[in-house]
């Protein structure tokens, strides 16, 4: 089993930092299966230049989310579950 990671999601799109080449990140997080520690489930590059835009995007998203009624939030989360 292996999961393809699309990257960090902010500003309504995915951003995946390069893992190879001149602009490659230095740190990569790897997640292994607890049932078989030799089985790599996914790997994700860590790019610290994304931190500030991610925080800004989360704050902007929350300013909208907090205005939505509890019932509507529950509806969104149930649809996300599907």
Protein backbone atom coordinates (compact mmCIF):
# COMPACT_ATOMS: atom_id res chain seq x y z
CA UNK A 1 0.00 0.00 0.00
CA UNK A 2 1.26 3.45 -0.90
CA UNK A 3 -0.39 6.87 -0.77
CA UNK A 4 0.43 9.64 -3.20
CA UNK A 5 0.78 12.94 -1.37
CA UNK A 6 -0.37 15.98 -3.32
CA UNK A 7 1.40 18.48 -1.07
CA UNK A 8 0.37 21.24 1.29
CA UNK A 9 -3.07 22.63 0.54
CA UNK A 10 -3.47 26.36 0.94
CA UNK A 11 -4.78 29.26 -1.14
CA UNK A 12 -7.15 26.78 -2.85
CA UNK A 13 -4.45 24.61 -4.41
CA UNK A 14 -1.83 21.98 -3.63
CA UNK A 15 1.84 22.90 -3.37
CA UNK A 16 4.38 20.05 -3.46
CA UNK A 17 7.97 21.07 -2.93
CA UNK A 18 10.59 19.45 -5.15
CA UNK A 19 12.35 16.42 -3.71
CA UNK A 20 15.12 16.42 -6.33
CA UNK A 21 17.14 18.99 -8.22
CA UNK A 22 18.52 22.43 -7.45
CA UNK A 23 15.48 23.62 -5.45
CA UNK A 24 14.96 20.36 -3.57
CA UNK A 25 14.14 20.54 0.11
CA UNK A 26 16.56 19.14 2.65
CA UNK A 27 14.08 17.41 4.96
CA UNK A 28 11.61 14.71 3.97
CA UNK A 29 9.11 13.14 6.36
CA UNK A 30 8.53 9.44 5.78
CA UNK A 31 5.63 7.43 7.22
CA UNK A 32 5.95 3.66 7.46
CA UNK A 33 3.24 1.11 8.09
CA UNK A 34 3.03 0.15 11.78
CA UNK A 35 2.16 -3.39 10.70
CA UNK A 36 5.24 -3.66 8.47
CA UNK A 37 7.93 -1.10 9.24
CA UNK A 38 9.67 -1.85 5.93
CA UNK A 39 6.60 -0.69 4.00
CA UNK A 40 6.78 3.03 3.20
CA UNK A 41 3.27 4.50 3.09
CA UNK A 42 4.17 8.02 1.98
CA UNK A 43 6.90 10.63 1.99
CA UNK A 44 6.46 14.39 2.09
CA UNK A 45 9.04 17.14 1.59
CA UNK A 46 9.17 19.77 4.33
CA UNK A 47 9.40 23.28 2.95
CA UNK A 48 9.52 25.99 5.58
CA UNK A 49 8.81 28.74 3.04
CA UNK A 50 5.20 27.47 3.02
CA UNK A 51 4.66 28.14 6.75
CA UNK A 52 3.66 31.81 6.54
CA UNK A 53 1.27 31.43 3.57
CA UNK A 54 -0.30 28.35 5.21
CA UNK A 55 -0.97 30.26 8.44
CA UNK A 56 -2.38 33.23 6.51
CA UNK A 57 -4.64 30.93 4.47
CA UNK A 58 -5.86 29.15 7.62
CA UNK A 59 -6.67 32.45 9.32
CA UNK A 60 -8.59 33.68 6.26
CA UNK A 61 -10.46 30.38 6.01
CA UNK A 62 -11.41 30.47 9.67
CA UNK A 63 -12.83 33.98 9.37
CA UNK A 64 -15.32 32.53 6.86
CA UNK A 65 -15.87 29.21 8.69
CA UNK A 66 -16.75 30.86 12.02
CA UNK A 67 -19.66 32.70 10.37
CA UNK A 68 -21.30 29.43 9.25
CA UNK A 69 -23.98 27.91 11.48
CA UNK A 70 -23.25 24.73 13.41
CA UNK A 71 -25.79 22.78 11.34
CA UNK A 72 -24.16 23.85 8.07
CA UNK A 73 -20.68 22.98 9.40
CA UNK A 74 -21.92 19.52 10.35
CA UNK A 75 -23.36 19.13 6.85
CA UNK A 76 -20.01 20.05 5.26
CA UNK A 77 -18.10 17.63 7.47
CA UNK A 78 -20.50 14.78 6.74
CA UNK A 79 -20.07 15.36 3.00
CA UNK A 80 -16.30 15.38 3.48
CA UNK A 81 -16.55 11.98 5.20
CA UNK A 82 -18.05 10.41 2.06
